[in-house]
Amino acid sequence: MSDTPMTDTAASRAAQPFVLPHHPIRDALTGSVASIAFTFIVVIAVGLIWIGPKFVSFGNVSIVGTFLIVPLIVGAFAGFALLAGVVDLSIGTIVGISAAIFAYFILHQWGVLPAAGITLGVCLVIGGLNALAIVRFGADPIAATLGMLTALRGITWVLCGNQRMIPAFDIDYFTLINRQVLGLPLFFLVAILLTLIAAVIVARTRLGRHLQAVGGDDRAAARAGISVQGVRTAALLLSAVGGGLGGIIYVGQLGSAAGATGLGLEFQVYAALMIGGYSILRGGVGNPIGGALGLLAVAGVSNILDLKAISPYYVNIIVGLLLLAAVLLDRFRGGDTYE
């Protein structure tokens, strides 16, 4: 009689499929980050073969890095909203209006820090309005943030006035934003650091676990005692702050703000995030490092075409194909390997 439980247990174990235990290295090699990392390596290889050593020279990397500073920062913060299951289409116009507000105060002789503080405060209000509509009143995220996108773009054009721009050149701030360290833009390195911090938050903190839980299954998260409304509100606030930082940096780079600042940035960022492993169809899927690699891969393709004097419209074709591949891969994987 004593042999029966042992026999049943052995039979049940034999019937179960063999599953490899989780291991950080194995998970990294089989996850979405590995896919986009491979794509990024292929882009570098093509650049080296087609362009030569110039492609990875400090001068060329510095040029590409300068253009990537704002998208990297905005992408790192917007990724929090995607993880929570919210698509924030207003990030590009938040960049635009924050640039206009910051430039306005700089033009009127406010210091950089007070102007930045007021600008980020306005961005928090915008993020709060998005959260009020989406979280409190249950509005569809795409519809709500599309409305915010339209309204903010109109306000930005009004702020810029008849000249369609606000001059705001501050020599000290311009020097800081455009400073080089080890042959690379200082704020490009800052953007990479912020991406790494975001990755640590997602992988190692309670906020990161709650973001993924709420985005993956909000009902299960609520039953587990997680404040779904609180987490999504925090994600939208962070997304707005990322847009605000992007606008402030743009003014430092350009010395002005224009009505078109940030126009189309949401497409650039979200396309790269999806190529890097995020999912717009469902939350809880993605990694900030993968998103950054997606931006770097797209920028690498664009840079190759620029150096070969090929029409930039081909970038749209390549990005579109990569995006389709990312969507299909997301559907095939079902999200399991991302989590």
Protein backbone atom coordinates (compact mmCIF):
# COMPACT_ATOMS: atom_id res chain seq x y z
CA MET A 1 0.00 0.00 0.00
CA SER A 2 2.86 2.37 0.77
CA ASP A 3 4.16 2.03 -2.80
CA THR A 4 1.03 3.48 -4.38
CA PRO A 5 1.54 7.17 -3.54
CA MET A 6 5.14 6.97 -4.72
CA THR A 7 4.06 5.33 -7.99
CA ASP A 8 1.36 7.95 -8.57
CA THR A 9 3.79 10.76 -7.85
CA ALA A 10 6.38 9.36 -10.24
CA ALA A 11 3.75 8.94 -12.96
CA SER A 12 2.49 12.51 -12.55
CA ARG A 13 6.01 13.87 -12.72
CA ALA A 14 6.69 11.86 -15.88
CA ALA A 15 3.54 13.24 -17.49
CA GLN A 16 4.61 16.85 -16.93
CA PRO A 17 6.70 18.48 -19.68
CA PHE A 18 10.29 19.25 -18.83
CA VAL A 19 10.81 22.97 -18.29
CA LEU A 20 14.23 24.52 -17.90
CA PRO A 21 14.53 26.52 -14.70
CA HIS A 22 14.81 30.29 -14.99
CA HIS A 23 18.35 31.55 -15.26
CA PRO A 24 19.34 35.21 -15.87
CA ILE A 25 21.77 34.40 -18.69
CA ARG A 26 19.43 31.93 -20.42
CA ASP A 27 16.47 34.31 -20.08
CA ALA A 28 18.55 37.14 -21.54
CA LEU A 29 19.64 35.07 -24.54
CA THR A 30 16.11 33.89 -25.35
CA GLY A 31 14.20 37.07 -24.58
CA SER A 32 13.22 40.09 -26.63
CA VAL A 33 16.40 41.97 -25.72
CA ALA A 34 18.46 39.23 -27.40
CA SER A 35 16.40 39.60 -30.60
CA ILE A 36 16.91 43.35 -30.90
CA ALA A 37 20.54 43.04 -29.77
CA PHE A 38 21.13 40.65 -32.68
CA THR A 39 19.43 43.15 -35.03
CA PHE A 40 21.61 45.95 -33.66
CA ILE A 41 24.76 43.87 -34.20
CA VAL A 42 23.67 43.17 -37.80
CA VAL A 43 23.18 46.92 -38.37
CA ILE A 44 26.70 47.62 -37.05
CA ALA A 45 28.14 44.84 -39.22
CA VAL A 46 26.41 46.22 -42.33
CA GLY A 47 27.69 49.69 -41.47
CA LEU A 48 31.26 48.48 -41.08
CA ILE A 49 31.13 46.52 -44.33
CA TRP A 50 29.40 49.21 -46.39
CA ILE A 51 30.78 52.40 -44.81
CA GLY A 52 34.00 51.27 -43.18
CA PRO A 53 35.59 52.26 -39.84
CA LYS A 54 34.11 55.75 -40.18
CA PHE A 55 30.75 54.27 -39.19
CA VAL A 56 31.90 53.56 -35.62
CA SER A 57 34.23 56.55 -35.29
CA PHE A 58 33.74 58.87 -32.33
CA GLY A 59 32.75 61.68 -34.67
CA ASN A 60 29.96 59.73 -36.34
CA VAL A 61 28.73 58.13 -33.11
CA SER A 62 28.71 61.58 -31.52
CA ILE A 63 26.47 62.95 -34.28
CA VAL A 64 24.04 60.03 -33.99
CA GLY A 65 24.12 60.22 -30.18
CA THR A 66 23.21 63.91 -30.23
CA PHE A 67 20.05 63.20 -32.21
CA LEU A 68 19.16 60.26 -29.94
CA ILE A 69 19.34 62.04 -26.58
CA VAL A 70 15.70 63.15 -26.46
CA PRO A 71 14.17 59.97 -28.01
CA LEU A 72 16.13 57.80 -25.56
CA ILE A 73 14.94 59.78 -22.54
CA VAL A 74 11.35 60.01 -23.74
CA GLY A 75 11.35 56.29 -24.61
CA ALA A 76 12.66 55.25 -21.20
CA PHE A 77 9.82 57.11 -19.46
CA ALA A 78 7.10 56.25 -21.99
CA GLY A 79 7.99 52.58 -21.53
CA PHE A 80 6.57 52.74 -18.00
CA ALA A 81 3.14 53.62 -19.41
CA LEU A 82 3.31 50.81 -21.98
CA LEU A 83 4.20 48.33 -19.25
CA ALA A 84 1.15 49.47 -17.31
CA GLY A 85 -1.02 48.85 -20.37
CA VAL A 86 -1.44 52.51 -21.38
CA VAL A 87 -0.47 54.00 -24.75
CA ASP A 88 0.35 57.70 -24.28
CA LEU A 89 0.18 59.31 -27.73
CA SER A 90 0.68 62.79 -26.26
CA ILE A 91 4.41 62.36 -25.51
CA GLY A 92 5.52 64.18 -28.66
CA THR A 93 3.34 67.22 -27.98
CA ILE A 94 4.37 67.22 -24.31
CA VAL A 95 7.93 67.61 -25.61
CA GLY A 96 6.74 70.48 -27.81
CA ILE A 97 4.79 72.39 -25.18
CA SER A 98 7.46 71.88 -22.51
CA ALA A 99 10.06 73.29 -24.92
CA ALA A 100 7.83 76.33 -25.57
CA ILE A 101 7.18 76.94 -21.85
CA PHE A 102 10.84 76.54 -20.92
CA ALA A 103 11.96 78.80 -23.78
CA TYR A 104 9.40 81.44 -22.80
CA PHE A 105 10.77 81.72 -19.28
CA ILE A 106 14.39 81.70 -20.47
CA LEU A 107 13.54 84.49 -22.92
CA HIS A 108 12.13 86.52 -20.02
CA GLN A 109 15.33 86.17 -18.02
CA TRP A 110 14.28 83.40 -15.65
CA GLY A 111 17.03 81.10 -14.49
CA VAL A 112 17.37 77.63 -15.99
CA LEU A 113 16.42 75.81 -12.78
CA PRO A 114 13.24 77.85 -12.01
CA ALA A 115 12.18 77.60 -15.66
CA ALA A 116 12.78 73.83 -15.67
CA GLY A 117 10.88 73.43 -12.39
CA ILE A 118 7.83 75.27 -13.71
CA THR A 119 7.98 73.33 -16.98
CA LEU A 120 8.09 69.95 -15.25
CA GLY A 121 5.27 71.08 -12.95
CA VAL A 122 3.10 71.82 -16.00
CA CYS A 123 4.00 68.41 -17.42
CA LEU A 124 2.86 66.76 -14.19
CA VAL A 125 -0.48 68.56 -14.54
CA ILE A 126 -0.76 67.27 -18.13
CA GLY A 127 0.06 63.74 -16.97
CA GLY A 128 -2.52 64.14 -14.20
CA LEU A 129 -5.19 65.16 -16.71
CA ASN A 130 -4.38 62.13 -18.83
CA ALA A 131 -4.65 59.94 -15.74
CA LEU A 132 -7.94 61.59 -14.74
CA ALA A 133 -9.48 60.83 -18.11
CA ILE A 134 -8.06 57.31 -18.49
CA VAL A 135 -7.86 55.99 -14.95
CA ARG A 136 -10.65 57.84 -13.15
CA PHE A 137 -13.25 58.06 -15.92
CA GLY A 138 -12.23 54.98 -17.90
CA ALA A 139 -11.60 56.71 -21.24
CA ASP A 140 -9.82 54.77 -23.95
CA PRO A 141 -6.09 55.63 -23.63
CA ILE A 142 -5.54 56.13 -27.36
CA ALA A 143 -8.59 58.38 -27.74
CA ALA A 144 -7.84 60.39 -24.59
CA THR A 145 -4.17 60.99 -25.33
CA LEU A 146 -4.94 61.71 -29.00
CA GLY A 147 -7.22 64.49 -27.79
CA MET A 148 -4.47 65.76 -25.50
CA LEU A 149 -2.02 65.59 -28.42
CA THR A 150 -4.25 67.79 -30.56
CA ALA A 151 -4.94 70.32 -27.81
CA LEU A 152 -1.31 70.65 -26.72
CA ARG A 153 -0.07 71.09 -30.29
CA GLY A 154 -2.52 73.97 -30.74
CA ILE A 155 -1.41 75.58 -27.46
CA THR A 156 2.23 75.21 -28.51
CA TRP A 157 1.61 77.05 -31.77
CA VAL A 158 -0.19 79.81 -29.86
CA LEU A 159 2.70 80.18 -27.41
CA CYS A 160 5.18 80.43 -30.25
CA GLY A 161 3.24 83.34 -31.73
CA ASN A 162 3.46 84.80 -35.19
CA GLN A 163 7.18 84.05 -35.51
CA ARG A 164 6.42 80.33 -35.00
CA MET A 165 9.34 80.09 -32.55
CA ILE A 166 10.64 81.37 -29.23
CA PRO A 167 14.34 82.28 -29.13
CA ALA A 168 15.94 81.16 -25.87
CA PHE A 169 19.71 81.02 -26.15
CA ASP A 170 21.53 80.75 -22.82
CA ILE A 171 25.25 80.30 -23.39
CA ASP A 172 25.90 78.44 -20.14
CA TYR A 173 22.99 76.07 -20.64
CA PHE A 174 23.86 75.56 -24.32
CA THR A 175 27.44 74.68 -23.34
CA LEU A 176 26.25 72.21 -20.70
CA ILE A 177 23.79 70.39 -22.97
CA ASN A 178 26.29 70.14 -25.83
CA ARG A 179 29.33 69.21 -23.73
CA GLN A 180 31.43 66.24 -24.86
CA VAL A 181 32.86 63.58 -22.54
CA LEU A 182 35.32 61.02 -23.88
CA GLY A 183 34.38 62.05 -27.42
CA LEU A 184 30.64 61.50 -26.85
CA PRO A 185 27.83 63.92 -25.93
CA LEU A 186 27.49 64.16 -22.15
CA PHE A 187 23.71 63.95 -22.26
CA PHE A 188 23.81 60.94 -24.56
CA LEU A 189 25.64 59.17 -21.75
CA VAL A 190 23.06 60.57 -19.31
CA ALA A 191 20.27 59.16 -21.51
CA ILE A 192 21.96 55.74 -21.49
CA LEU A 193 22.28 55.96 -17.69
CA LEU A 194 18.59 56.83 -17.33
CA THR A 195 17.75 53.83 -19.52
CA LEU A 196 19.78 51.54 -17.27
CA ILE A 197 18.09 53.00 -14.19
CA ALA A 198 14.69 52.40 -15.79
CA ALA A 199 15.72 48.80 -16.54
CA VAL A 200 16.68 48.29 -12.89
CA ILE A 201 13.35 49.78 -11.77
CA VAL A 202 11.44 47.43 -14.06
CA ALA A 203 13.41 44.31 -13.12
CA ARG A 204 14.30 44.84 -9.48
CA THR A 205 11.79 47.10 -7.73
CA ARG A 206 8.25 46.82 -6.44
CA LEU A 207 7.12 49.57 -8.82
CA GLY A 208 8.46 47.60 -11.78
CA ARG A 209 6.72 44.40 -10.66
CA HIS A 210 3.48 46.29 -10.12
CA LEU A 211 3.70 47.93 -13.55
CA GLN A 212 4.11 44.55 -15.23
CA ALA A 213 1.38 42.97 -13.10
CA VAL A 214 -1.14 45.73 -13.83
CA GLY A 215 -0.32 45.74 -17.55
CA GLY A 216 -0.42 41.96 -17.78
CA ASP A 217 -3.72 41.40 -15.95
CA ASP A 218 -5.23 44.31 -14.05
CA ARG A 219 -7.95 42.17 -12.45
CA ALA A 220 -5.45 39.68 -11.07
CA ALA A 221 -3.28 42.58 -9.90
CA ALA A 222 -6.24 44.12 -8.07
CA ARG A 223 -7.01 40.78 -6.38
CA ALA A 224 -3.36 40.66 -5.28
CA GLY A 225 -3.81 43.98 -3.49
CA ILE A 226 -2.11 46.21 -6.06
CA SER A 227 -3.65 49.64 -6.63
CA VAL A 228 -4.30 49.49 -10.37
CA GLN A 229 -5.40 53.13 -10.51
CA GLY A 230 -2.37 54.28 -8.51
CA VAL A 231 0.09 52.36 -10.68
CA ARG A 232 -1.37 53.61 -13.97
CA THR A 233 -1.51 57.17 -12.66
CA ALA A 234 2.16 56.96 -11.68
CA ALA A 235 3.03 55.56 -15.11
CA LEU A 236 1.27 58.43 -16.91
CA LEU A 237 2.96 60.99 -14.67
CA LEU A 238 6.36 59.46 -15.42
CA SER A 239 5.57 59.46 -19.14
CA ALA A 240 4.74 63.18 -18.97
CA VAL A 241 7.92 63.94 -17.01
CA GLY A 242 9.96 62.19 -19.71
CA GLY A 243 8.36 64.43 -22.33
CA GLY A 244 9.12 67.47 -20.20
CA LEU A 245 12.78 66.57 -19.87
CA GLY A 246 12.92 66.03 -23.62
CA GLY A 247 11.54 69.50 -24.32
CA ILE A 248 13.95 71.17 -21.90
CA ILE A 249 16.91 69.42 -23.53
CA TYR A 250 15.73 70.35 -27.03
CA VAL A 251 15.86 74.03 -26.09
CA GLY A 252 19.42 73.58 -24.87
CA GLN A 253 20.40 71.88 -28.11
CA LEU A 254 18.71 74.33 -30.49
CA GLY A 255 18.63 77.57 -28.52
CA SER A 256 14.94 77.99 -29.30
CA ALA A 257 11.54 76.31 -29.34
CA ALA A 258 9.27 76.01 -32.38
CA GLY A 259 5.64 75.11 -32.88
CA ALA A 260 6.72 71.89 -34.61
CA THR A 261 9.11 70.76 -31.87
CA GLY A 262 8.44 67.11 -31.06
CA LEU A 263 6.14 66.65 -34.07
CA GLY A 264 5.99 62.94 -34.93
CA LEU A 265 8.24 61.98 -32.03
CA GLU A 266 5.60 59.62 -30.65
CA PHE A 267 5.79 57.53 -33.83
CA GLN A 268 9.59 57.42 -33.73
CA VAL A 269 9.65 56.38 -30.07
CA TYR A 270 6.82 53.84 -30.13
CA ALA A 271 8.01 52.22 -33.34
CA ALA A 272 11.46 51.75 -31.81
CA LEU A 273 10.01 50.50 -28.51
CA MET A 274 7.92 47.89 -30.32
CA ILE A 275 10.92 46.82 -32.39
CA GLY A 276 12.78 46.55 -29.08
CA GLY A 277 10.24 44.18 -27.55
CA TYR A 278 7.45 46.31 -26.07
CA SER A 279 3.86 45.49 -26.95
CA ILE A 280 1.15 48.05 -27.63
CA LEU A 281 -1.47 45.28 -27.85
CA ARG A 282 -0.99 44.22 -24.23
CA GLY A 283 0.80 45.61 -21.22
CA GLY A 284 3.38 44.00 -18.98
CA VAL A 285 5.69 43.29 -21.92
CA GLY A 286 8.98 45.04 -22.60
CA ASN A 287 12.36 46.07 -21.26
CA PRO A 288 13.93 49.58 -21.32
CA ILE A 289 17.22 48.16 -22.63
CA GLY A 290 15.42 46.54 -25.55
CA GLY A 291 13.64 49.81 -26.29
CA ALA A 292 16.96 51.71 -26.29
CA LEU A 293 18.49 49.12 -28.62
CA GLY A 294 15.49 49.55 -30.91
CA LEU A 295 16.17 53.28 -31.11
CA LEU A 296 19.88 52.66 -31.70
CA ALA A 297 19.17 50.13 -34.45
CA VAL A 298 16.79 52.47 -36.29
CA ALA A 299 19.25 55.35 -35.91
CA GLY A 300 22.02 53.13 -37.26
CA VAL A 301 19.99 52.29 -40.36
CA SER A 302 19.21 55.97 -40.91
CA ASN A 303 22.86 56.91 -40.48
CA ILE A 304 24.01 54.30 -43.02
CA LEU A 305 21.61 55.69 -45.62
CA ASP A 306 22.71 59.25 -44.84
CA LEU A 307 26.38 58.40 -45.26
CA LYS A 308 25.65 56.67 -48.58
CA ALA A 309 23.51 59.61 -49.73
CA ILE A 310 20.46 57.36 -50.17
CA SER A 311 16.96 58.81 -49.89
CA PRO A 312 15.83 58.90 -46.22
CA TYR A 313 12.42 57.60 -47.28
CA TYR A 314 13.94 54.13 -47.39
CA VAL A 315 14.28 54.35 -43.61
CA ASN A 316 10.49 54.32 -43.37
CA ILE A 317 10.35 51.15 -45.46
CA ILE A 318 12.96 49.40 -43.30
CA VAL A 319 11.41 50.56 -40.02
CA GLY A 320 7.99 49.45 -41.23
CA LEU A 321 9.29 45.98 -42.06
CA LEU A 322 11.07 45.73 -38.70
CA LEU A 323 7.88 46.83 -36.97
CA LEU A 324 5.83 44.18 -38.77
CA ALA A 325 8.41 41.57 -37.83
CA ALA A 326 8.27 42.72 -34.20
CA VAL A 327 4.46 42.48 -34.14
CA LEU A 328 4.51 38.98 -35.64
CA LEU A 329 7.22 37.88 -33.21
CA ASP A 330 5.17 39.28 -30.35
CA ARG A 331 2.16 37.27 -31.48
CA PHE A 332 4.16 34.06 -31.90
CA ARG A 333 5.81 34.35 -28.51
CA GLY A 334 2.61 35.26 -26.68
CA GLY A 335 4.59 37.38 -24.27
CA ASP A 336 5.87 34.52 -22.12
CA THR A 337 9.52 35.00 -22.91
CA TYR A 338 9.31 38.74 -22.23
CA GLU A 339 8.23 38.39 -18.63
